[in-house]
Amino acid sequence: MIDPVSTQIMPQSLLRATDLDAPQRVAPGLAAGAGATSIDGMKPSGSFSELVGGLVREVDAKGKAAETEVRRLMLGETDNIHQSMIAMQESGVAFSLLVEVRNKLVDSYQELMRMSV
C-alpha cells in the first residue's frame, strides 16, 4: 500500500480496515507533555531563516528529483511513467505550498508594518 502523503510503501501491519473510522493517530513526539518536537521526532533547532531555507532546499530537491525522473523516462532508461508523474505532481504541490507560505509571510510582514507604535 502506498502512503498518499509521502508516496512510500507502508507495511500492511500499519493499515487496517478499522483505521478508516478511528481517530487520527498522534505522531511520536507530538503527544501531550512530550515537549516541542517536530513531526519526525527531532527537536527544532536553528533560526527562522534556517527553517525557511531548509524548506526551500526540500522543494528544490523535489523539483530536481522530478526533473531526473522525467529525463530518465524521456531517454528510455525507465518505463515507469507512474513514478515520473508522481514525482512531478509532488514537486508541483510542494512548490505551490511554498508559494502560499511565502505569500502569508509577506502579508504578515505588511500587516506588522501598518501597525502604529
Protein backbone atom coordinates (compact mmCIF):
# COMPACT_ATOMS: atom_id res chain seq x y z
CA MET A 1 0.00 0.00 0.00
CA ILE A 2 1.25 3.50 -0.77
CA ASP A 3 1.05 6.28 1.81
CA PRO A 4 -0.73 9.17 -0.01
CA VAL A 5 1.35 11.78 1.80
CA SER A 6 4.89 10.53 1.26
CA THR A 7 4.29 8.03 -1.58
CA GLN A 8 6.34 5.50 0.37
CA ILE A 9 5.25 1.89 0.70
CA MET A 10 3.69 1.23 4.11
CA PRO A 11 3.65 -2.16 5.78
CA GLN A 12 0.23 -3.81 5.83
CA SER A 13 0.50 -4.16 9.61
CA LEU A 14 0.07 -0.39 9.87
CA LEU A 15 -3.07 -0.38 7.75
CA ARG A 16 -6.31 -1.94 8.96
CA ALA A 17 -9.86 -1.52 7.74
CA THR A 18 -10.86 -0.17 11.16
CA ASP A 19 -8.33 2.67 10.82
CA LEU A 20 -10.66 4.48 8.44
CA ASP A 21 -13.19 5.10 11.20
CA ALA A 22 -10.65 5.56 14.00
CA PRO A 23 -9.37 8.98 15.03
CA GLN A 24 -6.06 10.02 13.56
CA ARG A 25 -3.01 8.65 15.31
CA VAL A 26 -0.70 11.12 17.01
CA ALA A 27 2.81 11.14 15.60
CA PRO A 28 5.56 10.13 18.03
CA GLY A 29 6.79 13.15 19.92
CA LEU A 30 3.55 15.09 19.46
CA ALA A 31 1.69 13.52 22.37
CA ALA A 32 0.66 15.71 25.27
CA GLY A 33 3.55 16.53 27.54
CA ALA A 34 6.16 15.47 25.01
CA GLY A 35 7.55 18.97 24.61
CA ALA A 36 8.14 20.87 21.42
CA THR A 37 9.20 18.47 18.72
CA SER A 38 8.78 18.31 15.00
CA ILE A 39 6.82 15.62 13.17
CA ASP A 40 9.83 13.39 12.67
CA GLY A 41 10.63 13.47 16.41
CA MET A 42 13.63 15.77 16.20
CA LYS A 43 13.98 18.82 18.41
CA PRO A 44 13.62 22.05 16.46
CA SER A 45 16.85 23.95 16.25
CA GLY A 46 18.22 26.96 14.47
CA SER A 47 16.70 30.22 13.45
CA PHE A 48 13.68 31.07 11.37
CA SER A 49 15.86 31.71 8.34
CA GLU A 50 17.37 28.22 8.67
CA LEU A 51 13.88 26.73 8.84
CA VAL A 52 12.71 28.57 5.73
CA GLY A 53 15.99 27.80 3.97
CA GLY A 54 15.53 24.12 4.74
CA LEU A 55 12.03 24.18 3.29
CA VAL A 56 13.30 25.86 0.13
CA ARG A 57 16.05 23.24 -0.20
CA GLU A 58 13.50 20.43 0.20
CA VAL A 59 11.27 21.91 -2.51
CA ASP A 60 14.29 22.33 -4.78
CA ALA A 61 15.29 18.72 -4.15
CA LYS A 62 11.79 17.54 -5.10
CA GLY A 63 11.98 19.60 -8.30
CA LYS A 64 15.35 18.11 -9.20
CA ALA A 65 14.10 14.60 -8.44
CA ALA A 66 11.09 15.16 -10.73
CA GLU A 67 13.36 16.52 -13.45
CA THR A 68 15.60 13.46 -13.14
CA GLU A 69 12.64 11.07 -13.35
CA VAL A 70 11.29 12.81 -16.46
CA ARG A 71 14.73 12.81 -18.08
CA ARG A 72 15.12 9.08 -17.38
CA LEU A 73 11.68 8.45 -18.88
CA MET A 74 12.42 10.52 -21.99
CA LEU A 75 15.78 8.80 -22.54
CA GLY A 76 14.16 5.38 -22.24
CA GLU A 77 16.13 4.40 -19.13
CA THR A 78 12.85 3.53 -17.41
CA ASP A 79 9.30 2.82 -18.47
CA ASN A 80 7.75 3.72 -15.12
CA ILE A 81 5.56 6.65 -16.14
CA HIS A 82 3.64 6.44 -12.88
CA GLN A 83 6.70 7.27 -10.78
CA SER A 84 7.54 10.16 -13.09
CA MET A 85 4.04 11.58 -12.81
CA ILE A 86 4.02 11.18 -9.05
CA ALA A 87 7.37 12.96 -8.77
CA MET A 88 6.13 15.81 -10.98
CA GLN A 89 2.90 16.22 -9.01
CA GLU A 90 4.74 16.05 -5.68
CA SER A 91 7.13 18.74 -6.89
CA GLY A 92 4.28 20.94 -8.09
CA VAL A 93 2.34 20.62 -4.84
CA ALA A 94 5.45 21.33 -2.76
CA PHE A 95 6.19 24.44 -4.83
CA SER A 96 2.59 25.66 -4.56
CA LEU A 97 2.72 25.20 -0.81
CA LEU A 98 5.99 27.13 -0.61
CA VAL A 99 4.48 29.99 -2.62
CA GLU A 100 1.44 30.11 -0.34
CA VAL A 101 3.63 30.13 2.78
CA ARG A 102 5.68 32.95 1.26
CA ASN A 103 2.51 34.92 0.49
CA LYS A 104 1.28 34.51 4.08
CA LEU A 105 4.65 35.64 5.43
CA VAL A 106 4.65 38.72 3.19
CA ASP A 107 1.06 39.54 4.24
CA SER A 108 2.02 39.19 7.90
CA TYR A 109 5.04 41.43 7.44
CA GLN A 110 2.95 44.07 5.67
CA GLU A 111 0.37 43.91 8.46
CA LEU A 112 3.09 44.47 11.05
CA MET A 113 4.42 47.45 9.10
CA ARG A 114 0.94 49.02 9.03
CA MET A 115 0.63 48.87 12.83
CA SER A 116 1.19 52.11 14.66
CA VAL A 117 3.63 52.01 17.52
